[in-house]
N, C-alpha and C. Protein backbone atom coordinates (compact mmCIF):
# COMPACT_ATOMS: atom_id res chain seq x y z
N MET A 1 9.89 -9.94 -4.21
CA MET A 1 8.80 -9.07 -3.82
C MET A 1 9.40 -7.84 -3.15
N ARG A 2 8.61 -6.79 -3.04
CA ARG A 2 9.12 -5.55 -2.46
C ARG A 2 9.29 -5.68 -0.95
N GLU A 3 10.14 -4.84 -0.39
CA GLU A 3 10.47 -4.91 1.03
C GLU A 3 9.26 -4.76 1.94
N GLN A 4 8.28 -3.96 1.55
CA GLN A 4 7.11 -3.72 2.40
C GLN A 4 5.90 -4.56 1.99
N HIS A 5 6.12 -5.65 1.31
CA HIS A 5 5.01 -6.48 0.84
C HIS A 5 4.21 -7.01 2.03
N PRO A 6 2.88 -6.92 1.99
CA PRO A 6 2.05 -7.39 3.11
C PRO A 6 2.22 -8.87 3.45
N ILE A 7 2.59 -9.69 2.50
CA ILE A 7 2.74 -11.13 2.77
C ILE A 7 3.85 -11.41 3.76
N LEU A 8 4.78 -10.47 3.91
CA LEU A 8 5.90 -10.67 4.82
C LEU A 8 5.46 -10.69 6.28
N GLN A 9 4.23 -10.27 6.56
CA GLN A 9 3.70 -10.31 7.92
C GLN A 9 3.13 -11.70 8.25
N GLN A 10 3.06 -12.58 7.26
CA GLN A 10 2.49 -13.91 7.46
C GLN A 10 3.60 -14.96 7.49
N LYS A 11 3.23 -16.13 8.01
CA LYS A 11 4.14 -17.26 7.96
C LYS A 11 4.31 -17.66 6.49
N TRP A 12 5.54 -17.96 6.07
CA TRP A 12 5.84 -18.30 4.68
C TRP A 12 5.58 -19.78 4.46
N THR A 13 4.51 -20.08 3.74
CA THR A 13 4.10 -21.46 3.47
C THR A 13 3.74 -21.59 1.99
N LEU A 14 3.43 -22.81 1.59
CA LEU A 14 2.96 -23.03 0.24
C LEU A 14 1.68 -22.24 -0.01
N ASP A 15 0.78 -22.22 0.97
CA ASP A 15 -0.47 -21.47 0.81
C ASP A 15 -0.23 -19.97 0.67
N SER A 16 0.68 -19.42 1.47
CA SER A 16 0.94 -17.98 1.35
C SER A 16 1.61 -17.67 0.01
N PHE A 17 2.51 -18.54 -0.43
CA PHE A 17 3.12 -18.38 -1.75
C PHE A 17 2.05 -18.36 -2.83
N CYS A 18 1.16 -19.33 -2.81
CA CYS A 18 0.14 -19.46 -3.85
C CYS A 18 -0.90 -18.34 -3.79
N SER A 19 -0.99 -17.63 -2.67
CA SER A 19 -1.96 -16.55 -2.56
C SER A 19 -1.51 -15.27 -3.26
N LEU A 20 -0.24 -15.21 -3.65
CA LEU A 20 0.31 -14.01 -4.29
C LEU A 20 -0.11 -13.90 -5.75
N ASN A 21 -0.01 -12.69 -6.28
CA ASN A 21 -0.15 -12.45 -7.72
C ASN A 21 1.25 -12.36 -8.31
N PHE A 22 1.47 -13.06 -9.42
CA PHE A 22 2.81 -13.20 -9.97
C PHE A 22 2.98 -12.56 -11.33
N VAL A 23 4.22 -12.13 -11.58
CA VAL A 23 4.66 -11.79 -12.93
C VAL A 23 5.52 -12.98 -13.39
N LEU A 24 5.30 -13.40 -14.61
CA LEU A 24 6.02 -14.53 -15.20
C LEU A 24 6.89 -14.02 -16.33
N VAL A 25 8.14 -14.48 -16.38
CA VAL A 25 9.01 -14.15 -17.51
C VAL A 25 8.95 -15.31 -18.49
N SER A 26 8.56 -14.99 -19.71
CA SER A 26 8.41 -16.00 -20.75
C SER A 26 8.82 -15.41 -22.09
N LEU A 27 9.50 -16.19 -22.88
CA LEU A 27 9.86 -15.75 -24.22
C LEU A 27 8.62 -15.36 -25.01
N PHE A 28 7.53 -16.03 -24.70
CA PHE A 28 6.26 -15.76 -25.38
C PHE A 28 5.37 -15.00 -24.41
N SER A 29 5.15 -13.72 -24.65
CA SER A 29 4.45 -12.87 -23.69
C SER A 29 3.00 -13.25 -23.48
N ASP A 30 2.47 -14.12 -24.32
CA ASP A 30 1.09 -14.56 -24.10
C ASP A 30 1.03 -15.84 -23.27
N SER A 31 2.18 -16.31 -22.78
CA SER A 31 2.22 -17.51 -21.96
C SER A 31 2.11 -17.15 -20.49
N PHE A 32 1.22 -17.81 -19.79
CA PHE A 32 1.04 -17.57 -18.37
C PHE A 32 1.32 -18.84 -17.56
N VAL A 33 2.05 -19.77 -18.15
CA VAL A 33 2.41 -21.01 -17.49
C VAL A 33 3.90 -21.25 -17.68
N GLY A 34 4.60 -21.58 -16.59
CA GLY A 34 6.03 -21.85 -16.67
C GLY A 34 6.40 -23.05 -15.83
N VAL A 35 7.70 -23.26 -15.61
CA VAL A 35 8.18 -24.41 -14.85
C VAL A 35 7.64 -24.41 -13.43
N THR A 36 7.49 -23.24 -12.83
CA THR A 36 6.94 -23.15 -11.48
C THR A 36 5.51 -23.68 -11.44
N ASP A 37 4.73 -23.32 -12.44
CA ASP A 37 3.34 -23.77 -12.50
C ASP A 37 3.25 -25.28 -12.69
N ARG A 38 4.15 -25.83 -13.49
CA ARG A 38 4.15 -27.28 -13.69
C ARG A 38 4.54 -28.00 -12.39
N ALA A 39 5.49 -27.43 -11.64
CA ALA A 39 5.87 -28.02 -10.35
C ALA A 39 4.71 -27.95 -9.36
N LEU A 40 4.01 -26.83 -9.33
CA LEU A 40 2.86 -26.69 -8.44
C LEU A 40 1.76 -27.68 -8.82
N GLU A 41 1.55 -27.86 -10.10
CA GLU A 41 0.52 -28.80 -10.56
C GLU A 41 0.81 -30.22 -10.07
N LYS A 42 2.09 -30.59 -10.06
CA LYS A 42 2.48 -31.93 -9.60
C LYS A 42 2.12 -32.17 -8.14
N ILE A 43 2.07 -31.10 -7.34
CA ILE A 43 1.73 -31.26 -5.92
C ILE A 43 0.30 -30.80 -5.63
N GLY A 44 -0.47 -30.60 -6.68
CA GLY A 44 -1.88 -30.28 -6.51
C GLY A 44 -2.17 -28.84 -6.14
N SER A 45 -1.28 -27.93 -6.49
CA SER A 45 -1.47 -26.51 -6.18
C SER A 45 -1.39 -25.68 -7.46
N SER A 46 -1.67 -24.41 -7.32
CA SER A 46 -1.54 -23.48 -8.45
C SER A 46 -1.29 -22.09 -7.90
N ARG A 47 -0.88 -21.20 -8.79
CA ARG A 47 -0.67 -19.80 -8.43
C ARG A 47 -1.39 -18.93 -9.44
N ASN A 48 -1.46 -17.63 -9.15
CA ASN A 48 -2.16 -16.69 -10.02
C ASN A 48 -1.14 -15.81 -10.75
N VAL A 49 -0.89 -16.11 -12.01
CA VAL A 49 0.00 -15.28 -12.83
C VAL A 49 -0.86 -14.23 -13.51
N VAL A 50 -0.60 -12.96 -13.19
CA VAL A 50 -1.42 -11.87 -13.71
C VAL A 50 -0.73 -11.07 -14.80
N LEU A 51 0.59 -11.27 -14.96
CA LEU A 51 1.35 -10.52 -15.94
C LEU A 51 2.45 -11.40 -16.50
N SER A 52 2.63 -11.37 -17.82
CA SER A 52 3.71 -12.09 -18.47
C SER A 52 4.56 -11.10 -19.25
N VAL A 53 5.88 -11.13 -19.01
CA VAL A 53 6.81 -10.23 -19.69
C VAL A 53 7.90 -11.07 -20.36
N GLN A 54 8.59 -10.48 -21.32
CA GLN A 54 9.60 -11.22 -22.07
C GLN A 54 11.02 -11.01 -21.57
N SER A 55 11.22 -10.19 -20.55
CA SER A 55 12.58 -9.90 -20.09
C SER A 55 12.66 -9.89 -18.57
N PHE A 56 13.71 -10.50 -18.06
CA PHE A 56 13.97 -10.45 -16.62
C PHE A 56 14.33 -9.03 -16.17
N ALA A 57 14.84 -8.21 -17.09
CA ALA A 57 15.34 -6.88 -16.73
C ALA A 57 14.28 -5.99 -16.11
N ILE A 58 13.04 -6.14 -16.49
CA ILE A 58 11.97 -5.28 -16.00
C ILE A 58 11.40 -5.76 -14.66
N VAL A 59 11.67 -6.99 -14.28
CA VAL A 59 11.05 -7.58 -13.10
C VAL A 59 11.33 -6.81 -11.81
N PRO A 60 12.58 -6.45 -11.48
CA PRO A 60 12.78 -5.74 -10.21
C PRO A 60 11.94 -4.47 -10.08
N GLU A 61 11.83 -3.69 -11.14
CA GLU A 61 11.03 -2.46 -11.06
C GLU A 61 9.55 -2.78 -10.90
N LEU A 62 9.07 -3.78 -11.59
CA LEU A 62 7.67 -4.20 -11.42
C LEU A 62 7.39 -4.60 -9.98
N LEU A 63 8.33 -5.32 -9.37
CA LEU A 63 8.15 -5.75 -7.98
C LEU A 63 8.19 -4.57 -7.02
N ARG A 64 9.11 -3.65 -7.24
CA ARG A 64 9.22 -2.47 -6.36
C ARG A 64 7.96 -1.62 -6.38
N GLN A 65 7.28 -1.57 -7.51
CA GLN A 65 6.14 -0.67 -7.69
C GLN A 65 4.78 -1.34 -7.48
N SER A 66 4.77 -2.58 -6.98
CA SER A 66 3.50 -3.30 -6.87
C SER A 66 3.58 -4.35 -5.77
N ASP A 67 2.50 -5.08 -5.60
CA ASP A 67 2.48 -6.23 -4.70
C ASP A 67 2.67 -7.54 -5.46
N LEU A 68 3.18 -7.46 -6.67
CA LEU A 68 3.47 -8.67 -7.44
C LEU A 68 4.68 -9.39 -6.86
N ALA A 69 4.76 -10.67 -7.15
CA ALA A 69 5.92 -11.49 -6.80
C ALA A 69 6.40 -12.16 -8.08
N ALA A 70 7.61 -12.71 -8.05
CA ALA A 70 8.16 -13.40 -9.21
C ALA A 70 9.08 -14.51 -8.74
N VAL A 71 9.15 -15.56 -9.52
CA VAL A 71 10.13 -16.63 -9.30
C VAL A 71 11.18 -16.45 -10.39
N VAL A 72 12.37 -16.03 -9.96
CA VAL A 72 13.45 -15.75 -10.90
C VAL A 72 14.76 -16.30 -10.34
N PRO A 73 15.77 -16.50 -11.18
CA PRO A 73 17.07 -16.90 -10.66
C PRO A 73 17.59 -15.85 -9.66
N TYR A 74 18.11 -16.33 -8.53
CA TYR A 74 18.54 -15.45 -7.44
C TYR A 74 19.53 -14.39 -7.90
N HIS A 75 20.48 -14.75 -8.75
CA HIS A 75 21.52 -13.80 -9.14
C HIS A 75 20.95 -12.57 -9.86
N LEU A 76 19.74 -12.67 -10.37
CA LEU A 76 19.15 -11.53 -11.07
C LEU A 76 18.59 -10.48 -10.13
N VAL A 77 18.32 -10.84 -8.89
CA VAL A 77 17.73 -9.89 -7.95
C VAL A 77 18.50 -9.75 -6.65
N GLN A 78 19.60 -10.46 -6.49
CA GLN A 78 20.31 -10.45 -5.21
C GLN A 78 20.78 -9.06 -4.80
N ASN A 79 21.07 -8.20 -5.74
CA ASN A 79 21.52 -6.84 -5.42
C ASN A 79 20.50 -5.78 -5.78
N ALA A 80 19.28 -6.19 -6.05
CA ALA A 80 18.23 -5.24 -6.44
C ALA A 80 17.72 -4.50 -5.21
N HIS A 81 17.86 -3.20 -5.22
CA HIS A 81 17.42 -2.36 -4.10
C HIS A 81 15.91 -2.47 -3.90
N GLY A 82 15.49 -2.64 -2.66
CA GLY A 82 14.07 -2.66 -2.33
C GLY A 82 13.37 -3.98 -2.57
N ILE A 83 14.14 -5.02 -2.88
CA ILE A 83 13.56 -6.33 -3.18
C ILE A 83 13.97 -7.33 -2.09
N ILE A 84 13.00 -8.10 -1.63
CA ILE A 84 13.23 -9.17 -0.65
C ILE A 84 13.16 -10.51 -1.40
N THR A 85 14.06 -11.41 -1.07
CA THR A 85 14.00 -12.74 -1.67
C THR A 85 13.64 -13.76 -0.59
N LYS A 86 12.89 -14.78 -1.00
CA LYS A 86 12.54 -15.89 -0.12
C LYS A 86 12.67 -17.17 -0.92
N GLU A 87 13.04 -18.23 -0.24
CA GLU A 87 13.07 -19.55 -0.88
C GLU A 87 11.64 -19.98 -1.18
N ILE A 88 11.42 -20.54 -2.35
CA ILE A 88 10.08 -21.04 -2.63
C ILE A 88 9.87 -22.33 -1.83
N PRO A 89 8.67 -22.54 -1.31
CA PRO A 89 8.42 -23.66 -0.38
C PRO A 89 8.11 -25.00 -1.06
N PHE A 90 8.75 -25.27 -2.19
CA PHE A 90 8.58 -26.53 -2.91
C PHE A 90 9.70 -26.63 -3.93
N GLU A 91 9.87 -27.80 -4.51
CA GLU A 91 10.94 -28.03 -5.48
C GLU A 91 10.50 -27.65 -6.89
N VAL A 92 11.40 -26.98 -7.62
CA VAL A 92 11.16 -26.62 -9.02
C VAL A 92 12.39 -27.05 -9.82
N GLU A 93 12.14 -27.70 -10.94
CA GLU A 93 13.24 -28.07 -11.83
C GLU A 93 13.82 -26.81 -12.47
N GLY A 94 14.99 -26.94 -13.07
CA GLY A 94 15.64 -25.80 -13.70
C GLY A 94 14.86 -25.22 -14.86
N TYR A 95 15.27 -24.06 -15.25
CA TYR A 95 14.63 -23.35 -16.36
C TYR A 95 15.13 -23.87 -17.69
N ASP A 96 14.25 -23.86 -18.68
CA ASP A 96 14.69 -24.11 -20.05
C ASP A 96 15.39 -22.85 -20.54
N LYS A 97 16.54 -23.03 -21.15
CA LYS A 97 17.28 -21.89 -21.68
C LYS A 97 17.27 -21.98 -23.19
N VAL A 98 17.00 -20.86 -23.83
CA VAL A 98 16.99 -20.82 -25.28
C VAL A 98 17.85 -19.67 -25.76
N MET A 99 18.39 -19.82 -26.94
CA MET A 99 19.15 -18.75 -27.56
C MET A 99 18.38 -18.34 -28.81
N THR A 100 18.15 -17.06 -28.97
CA THR A 100 17.43 -16.58 -30.15
C THR A 100 18.25 -15.50 -30.83
N TRP A 101 18.04 -15.36 -32.12
CA TRP A 101 18.72 -14.32 -32.88
C TRP A 101 17.89 -14.00 -34.10
N HIS A 102 18.17 -12.86 -34.66
CA HIS A 102 17.45 -12.43 -35.86
C HIS A 102 17.96 -13.21 -37.06
N GLU A 103 17.06 -13.52 -37.98
CA GLU A 103 17.43 -14.32 -39.15
C GLU A 103 18.52 -13.67 -40.00
N ARG A 104 18.63 -12.34 -39.96
CA ARG A 104 19.67 -11.70 -40.78
C ARG A 104 21.07 -12.00 -40.28
N THR A 105 21.20 -12.45 -39.02
CA THR A 105 22.52 -12.81 -38.49
C THR A 105 22.77 -14.31 -38.51
N GLN A 106 21.86 -15.05 -39.08
CA GLN A 106 21.96 -16.51 -39.11
C GLN A 106 23.29 -16.99 -39.68
N HIS A 107 23.76 -16.37 -40.74
CA HIS A 107 24.98 -16.85 -41.42
C HIS A 107 26.19 -15.94 -41.19
N ASP A 108 26.06 -14.93 -40.37
CA ASP A 108 27.18 -14.04 -40.06
C ASP A 108 28.23 -14.83 -39.29
N PRO A 109 29.49 -14.88 -39.79
CA PRO A 109 30.52 -15.71 -39.15
C PRO A 109 30.80 -15.31 -37.70
N VAL A 110 30.81 -14.04 -37.41
CA VAL A 110 31.07 -13.59 -36.04
C VAL A 110 29.92 -14.01 -35.12
N GLN A 111 28.71 -13.83 -35.59
CA GLN A 111 27.54 -14.22 -34.80
C GLN A 111 27.51 -15.74 -34.59
N LYS A 112 27.83 -16.50 -35.63
CA LYS A 112 27.87 -17.96 -35.50
C LYS A 112 28.92 -18.36 -34.47
N TRP A 113 30.09 -17.73 -34.52
CA TRP A 113 31.15 -18.03 -33.56
C TRP A 113 30.68 -17.73 -32.14
N LEU A 114 30.06 -16.57 -31.94
CA LEU A 114 29.58 -16.19 -30.62
C LEU A 114 28.54 -17.19 -30.10
N ARG A 115 27.63 -17.61 -30.93
CA ARG A 115 26.63 -18.60 -30.51
C ARG A 115 27.30 -19.91 -30.10
N GLU A 116 28.30 -20.33 -30.86
CA GLU A 116 29.01 -21.57 -30.53
C GLU A 116 29.73 -21.45 -29.20
N VAL A 117 30.38 -20.31 -28.95
CA VAL A 117 31.07 -20.09 -27.68
C VAL A 117 30.07 -20.12 -26.52
N MET A 118 28.94 -19.47 -26.71
CA MET A 118 27.93 -19.44 -25.65
C MET A 118 27.41 -20.85 -25.36
N LEU A 119 27.21 -21.65 -26.38
CA LEU A 119 26.76 -23.03 -26.17
C LEU A 119 27.81 -23.85 -25.43
N GLN A 120 29.09 -23.64 -25.75
CA GLN A 120 30.16 -24.35 -25.06
C GLN A 120 30.22 -23.95 -23.59
N LEU A 121 30.05 -22.66 -23.32
CA LEU A 121 30.09 -22.19 -21.93
C LEU A 121 28.92 -22.74 -21.12
N GLU A 122 27.78 -22.87 -21.75
CA GLU A 122 26.60 -23.39 -21.07
C GLU A 122 26.76 -24.87 -20.73
N GLY A 123 27.51 -25.57 -21.57
CA GLY A 123 27.76 -26.99 -21.32
C GLY A 123 26.71 -27.81 -21.90
């Protein structure tokens, strides 16, 4: 969230977290439910996702220019100017990771090699 976000004047709780409006990063831009929402559902809570985008790259600017919040991997925003990070007040399982590519590169030897290397690095 941005440095001057009004929620920062309140005690950080599950209720204050859930009161925010969120941007969600999803491969499918019409999806407004993610791992965070499933974790909240397990504890009987929910949040308000108002925007879904397909790339983490746009999230810092969206946060700087609005009162939106996002749940993203820390390394993506740790050096983002004007952004404050807070621990979420509940447990969330890891993110599903997917690799996608255009069908025209499906059989390209270099692309196949790169995909295999990336899978090995991921473990």
